């Protein structure tokens, strides 16, 4: 993995964890379900980035492609649920 890819992956993970922290604080204060969905979505996104980084460094991309794609879909669904106005 090139240095730029590593740097971008680390930045994405840090941003996802920061947004998860902000969502956690928002959920504790408001107990809104949308904040909980955002918290879970950002944590899943951070986990996805870790899995991607490990798979690229070990060269096992084909073996975990389904897992990564499933996490992406789940993150997007949670973001939609968080933004959905009822």
N, C-alpha and C. Protein backbone atom coordinates (compact mmCIF):
# COMPACT_ATOMS: atom_id res chain seq x y z
N UNK A 1 0.85 -1.17 0.00
CA UNK A 1 0.00 0.00 0.00
C UNK A 1 0.90 1.24 0.00
N UNK A 2 0.54 2.17 -0.81
CA UNK A 2 1.33 3.40 -0.88
C UNK A 2 1.06 4.28 0.33
N UNK A 3 2.00 5.18 0.58
CA UNK A 3 1.93 6.06 1.75
C UNK A 3 0.67 6.92 1.72
N UNK A 4 0.30 7.43 0.55
CA UNK A 4 -0.91 8.27 0.44
C UNK A 4 -2.15 7.46 0.79
N UNK A 5 -2.22 6.20 0.35
CA UNK A 5 -3.37 5.36 0.67
C UNK A 5 -3.46 5.11 2.17
N UNK A 6 -2.33 4.86 2.78
CA UNK A 6 -2.32 4.65 4.23
C UNK A 6 -2.79 5.90 4.95
N UNK A 7 -2.28 7.05 4.54
CA UNK A 7 -2.66 8.31 5.16
C UNK A 7 -4.16 8.58 5.01
N UNK A 8 -4.69 8.37 3.81
CA UNK A 8 -6.12 8.59 3.59
C UNK A 8 -6.98 7.61 4.39
N UNK A 9 -6.53 6.38 4.51
CA UNK A 9 -7.27 5.39 5.30
C UNK A 9 -7.29 5.78 6.77
N UNK A 10 -6.16 6.21 7.29
CA UNK A 10 -6.08 6.63 8.70
C UNK A 10 -6.95 7.86 8.94
N UNK A 11 -6.92 8.80 8.01
CA UNK A 11 -7.75 10.01 8.16
C UNK A 11 -9.23 9.64 8.14
N UNK A 12 -9.62 8.74 7.23
CA UNK A 12 -11.03 8.32 7.16
C UNK A 12 -11.45 7.62 8.45
N UNK A 13 -10.58 6.77 8.99
CA UNK A 13 -10.91 6.09 10.25
C UNK A 13 -11.04 7.09 11.39
N UNK A 14 -10.13 8.05 11.47
CA UNK A 14 -10.19 9.05 12.53
C UNK A 14 -11.45 9.92 12.42
N UNK A 15 -11.79 10.30 11.20
CA UNK A 15 -13.02 11.09 11.00
C UNK A 15 -14.26 10.28 11.39
N UNK A 16 -14.29 9.02 11.00
CA UNK A 16 -15.44 8.17 11.34
C UNK A 16 -15.56 8.02 12.86
N UNK A 17 -14.43 7.81 13.54
CA UNK A 17 -14.47 7.67 15.00
C UNK A 17 -14.83 8.99 15.67
N UNK A 18 -14.38 10.10 15.13
CA UNK A 18 -14.75 11.42 15.67
C UNK A 18 -16.25 11.65 15.51
N UNK A 19 -16.77 11.35 14.33
CA UNK A 19 -18.21 11.51 14.11
C UNK A 19 -19.03 10.55 14.98
N UNK A 20 -18.50 9.36 15.23
CA UNK A 20 -19.17 8.43 16.14
C UNK A 20 -19.20 9.01 17.54
N UNK A 21 -18.11 9.63 17.96
CA UNK A 21 -18.06 10.26 19.28
C UNK A 21 -19.06 11.40 19.41
N UNK A 22 -19.14 12.23 18.37
CA UNK A 22 -20.11 13.33 18.37
C UNK A 22 -21.54 12.78 18.40
N UNK A 23 -21.78 11.72 17.65
CA UNK A 23 -23.11 11.10 17.64
C UNK A 23 -23.45 10.51 19.00
N UNK A 24 -22.46 9.94 19.66
CA UNK A 24 -22.68 9.38 21.00
C UNK A 24 -23.07 10.48 21.99
N UNK A 25 -22.35 11.59 21.93
CA UNK A 25 -22.67 12.72 22.81
C UNK A 25 -24.08 13.23 22.52
N UNK A 26 -24.41 13.34 21.23
CA UNK A 26 -25.76 13.80 20.86
C UNK A 26 -26.82 12.83 21.34
N UNK A 27 -26.54 11.54 21.24
CA UNK A 27 -27.53 10.55 21.69
C UNK A 27 -27.71 10.61 23.21
N UNK A 28 -26.61 10.76 23.94
CA UNK A 28 -26.73 10.84 25.41
C UNK A 28 -27.54 12.04 25.86
N UNK A 29 -27.40 13.13 25.13
CA UNK A 29 -28.13 14.34 25.51
C UNK A 29 -29.58 14.32 25.08
N UNK A 30 -29.85 13.76 23.90
CA UNK A 30 -31.20 13.88 23.34
C UNK A 30 -31.99 12.58 23.31
N UNK A 31 -31.30 11.45 23.34
CA UNK A 31 -31.92 10.12 23.22
C UNK A 31 -32.74 9.98 21.94
N UNK A 32 -32.30 10.70 20.89
CA UNK A 32 -32.96 10.58 19.60
C UNK A 32 -32.46 9.33 18.89
N UNK A 33 -33.37 8.62 18.28
CA UNK A 33 -33.02 7.39 17.57
C UNK A 33 -32.09 7.68 16.39
N UNK A 34 -32.26 8.85 15.77
CA UNK A 34 -31.41 9.21 14.63
C UNK A 34 -29.95 9.30 15.04
N UNK A 35 -29.68 9.84 16.20
CA UNK A 35 -28.29 9.94 16.69
C UNK A 35 -27.71 8.55 16.94
N UNK A 36 -28.53 7.63 17.41
CA UNK A 36 -28.08 6.26 17.63
C UNK A 36 -27.75 5.58 16.30
N UNK A 37 -28.59 5.80 15.29
CA UNK A 37 -28.32 5.25 13.97
C UNK A 37 -27.00 5.81 13.41
N UNK A 38 -26.79 7.10 13.60
CA UNK A 38 -25.54 7.70 13.13
C UNK A 38 -24.34 7.13 13.86
N UNK A 39 -24.46 6.94 15.15
CA UNK A 39 -23.38 6.35 15.94
C UNK A 39 -23.00 4.97 15.40
N UNK A 40 -24.00 4.15 15.18
CA UNK A 40 -23.75 2.79 14.68
C UNK A 40 -23.16 2.84 13.26
N UNK A 41 -23.69 3.74 12.43
CA UNK A 41 -23.20 3.85 11.05
C UNK A 41 -21.73 4.26 11.01
N UNK A 42 -21.36 5.24 11.82
CA UNK A 42 -19.97 5.69 11.81
C UNK A 42 -19.03 4.64 12.40
N UNK A 43 -19.48 3.90 13.41
CA UNK A 43 -18.65 2.82 13.93
C UNK A 43 -18.47 1.71 12.90
N UNK A 44 -19.53 1.37 12.19
CA UNK A 44 -19.41 0.36 11.13
C UNK A 44 -18.50 0.83 10.01
N UNK A 45 -18.56 2.11 9.70
CA UNK A 45 -17.69 2.64 8.66
C UNK A 45 -16.22 2.55 9.09
N UNK A 46 -15.94 2.85 10.35
CA UNK A 46 -14.56 2.73 10.85
C UNK A 46 -14.10 1.28 10.81
N UNK A 47 -14.98 0.35 11.19
CA UNK A 47 -14.64 -1.08 11.14
C UNK A 47 -14.38 -1.50 9.70
N UNK A 48 -15.19 -1.02 8.79
CA UNK A 48 -15.01 -1.33 7.36
C UNK A 48 -13.65 -0.87 6.88
N UNK A 49 -13.24 0.33 7.26
CA UNK A 49 -11.95 0.85 6.83
C UNK A 49 -10.81 0.00 7.41
N UNK A 50 -10.95 -0.45 8.64
CA UNK A 50 -9.91 -1.31 9.23
C UNK A 50 -9.83 -2.62 8.46
N UNK A 51 -10.97 -3.21 8.15
CA UNK A 51 -10.98 -4.47 7.40
C UNK A 51 -10.37 -4.27 6.02
N UNK A 52 -10.72 -3.19 5.36
CA UNK A 52 -10.14 -2.90 4.05
C UNK A 52 -8.63 -2.75 4.12
N UNK A 53 -8.16 -2.02 5.12
CA UNK A 53 -6.72 -1.81 5.25
C UNK A 53 -6.00 -3.13 5.50
N UNK A 54 -6.57 -3.97 6.34
CA UNK A 54 -5.95 -5.27 6.61
C UNK A 54 -5.99 -6.18 5.39
N UNK A 55 -7.07 -6.13 4.63
CA UNK A 55 -7.17 -7.00 3.47
C UNK A 55 -6.22 -6.57 2.36
N UNK A 56 -6.05 -5.27 2.19
CA UNK A 56 -5.13 -4.78 1.16
C UNK A 56 -3.69 -5.11 1.53
N UNK A 57 -3.37 -4.94 2.80
CA UNK A 57 -1.99 -5.20 3.21
C UNK A 57 -1.66 -6.69 3.16
N UNK A 58 -2.64 -7.54 3.30
CA UNK A 58 -2.40 -8.99 3.26
C UNK A 58 -2.74 -9.62 1.92
N UNK A 59 -3.33 -8.84 1.01
CA UNK A 59 -3.64 -9.35 -0.31
C UNK A 59 -4.79 -10.34 -0.36
N UNK A 60 -5.78 -10.17 0.51
CA UNK A 60 -6.92 -11.10 0.54
C UNK A 60 -8.21 -10.36 0.19
N UNK A 61 -8.12 -9.45 -0.74
CA UNK A 61 -9.27 -8.62 -1.09
C UNK A 61 -10.46 -9.43 -1.57
N UNK A 62 -10.22 -10.46 -2.36
CA UNK A 62 -11.32 -11.24 -2.93
C UNK A 62 -12.09 -12.00 -1.86
N UNK A 63 -11.41 -12.39 -0.81
CA UNK A 63 -12.04 -13.20 0.23
C UNK A 63 -13.03 -12.42 1.09
N UNK A 64 -12.81 -11.14 1.26
CA UNK A 64 -13.69 -10.38 2.14
C UNK A 64 -14.50 -9.31 1.40
N UNK A 65 -14.55 -9.39 0.09
CA UNK A 65 -15.30 -8.41 -0.69
C UNK A 65 -16.76 -8.36 -0.32
N UNK A 66 -17.37 -9.51 -0.07
CA UNK A 66 -18.78 -9.55 0.31
C UNK A 66 -19.00 -8.87 1.66
N UNK A 67 -18.11 -9.09 2.60
CA UNK A 67 -18.22 -8.46 3.92
C UNK A 67 -18.12 -6.95 3.80
N UNK A 68 -17.16 -6.47 3.04
CA UNK A 68 -16.97 -5.03 2.88
C UNK A 68 -18.18 -4.40 2.20
N UNK A 69 -18.66 -5.04 1.14
CA UNK A 69 -19.84 -4.50 0.44
C UNK A 69 -21.08 -4.53 1.32
N UNK A 70 -21.22 -5.55 2.15
CA UNK A 70 -22.36 -5.63 3.07
C UNK A 70 -22.30 -4.51 4.10
N UNK A 71 -21.11 -4.23 4.62
CA UNK A 71 -20.95 -3.14 5.58
C UNK A 71 -21.28 -1.80 4.94
N UNK A 72 -20.89 -1.60 3.68
CA UNK A 72 -21.22 -0.36 2.99
C UNK A 72 -22.73 -0.18 2.89
N UNK A 73 -23.42 -1.22 2.50
CA UNK A 73 -24.88 -1.15 2.37
C UNK A 73 -25.52 -0.87 3.73
N UNK A 74 -25.04 -1.53 4.77
CA UNK A 74 -25.58 -1.33 6.11
C UNK A 74 -25.35 0.10 6.59
N UNK A 75 -24.16 0.64 6.34
CA UNK A 75 -23.87 2.03 6.73
C UNK A 75 -24.82 2.98 6.00
N UNK A 76 -25.00 2.77 4.72
CA UNK A 76 -25.89 3.65 3.96
C UNK A 76 -27.34 3.54 4.43
N UNK A 77 -27.78 2.34 4.74
CA UNK A 77 -29.14 2.18 5.27
C UNK A 77 -29.32 2.90 6.61
N UNK A 78 -28.32 2.81 7.47
CA UNK A 78 -28.40 3.50 8.75
C UNK A 78 -28.40 5.02 8.57
N UNK A 79 -27.63 5.51 7.62
CA UNK A 79 -27.64 6.95 7.35
C UNK A 79 -29.00 7.40 6.82
N UNK A 80 -29.60 6.59 5.97
CA UNK A 80 -30.95 6.90 5.47
C UNK A 80 -31.95 6.92 6.62
N UNK A 81 -31.87 5.92 7.51
CA UNK A 81 -32.78 5.88 8.65
C UNK A 81 -32.59 7.09 9.55
N UNK A 82 -31.35 7.53 9.72
CA UNK A 82 -31.09 8.68 10.58
C UNK A 82 -31.65 9.97 9.99
N UNK A 83 -31.66 10.05 8.67
CA UNK A 83 -32.12 11.27 8.02
C UNK A 83 -33.60 11.26 7.68
N UNK A 84 -34.21 10.10 7.77
CA UNK A 84 -35.62 9.94 7.41
C UNK A 84 -36.50 10.74 8.37
N UNK A 85 -37.37 11.54 7.81
CA UNK A 85 -38.30 12.30 8.65
C UNK A 85 -39.64 11.57 8.68
N UNK A 86 -40.12 11.34 9.85
CA UNK A 86 -41.38 10.61 9.99
C UNK A 86 -42.52 11.55 10.26
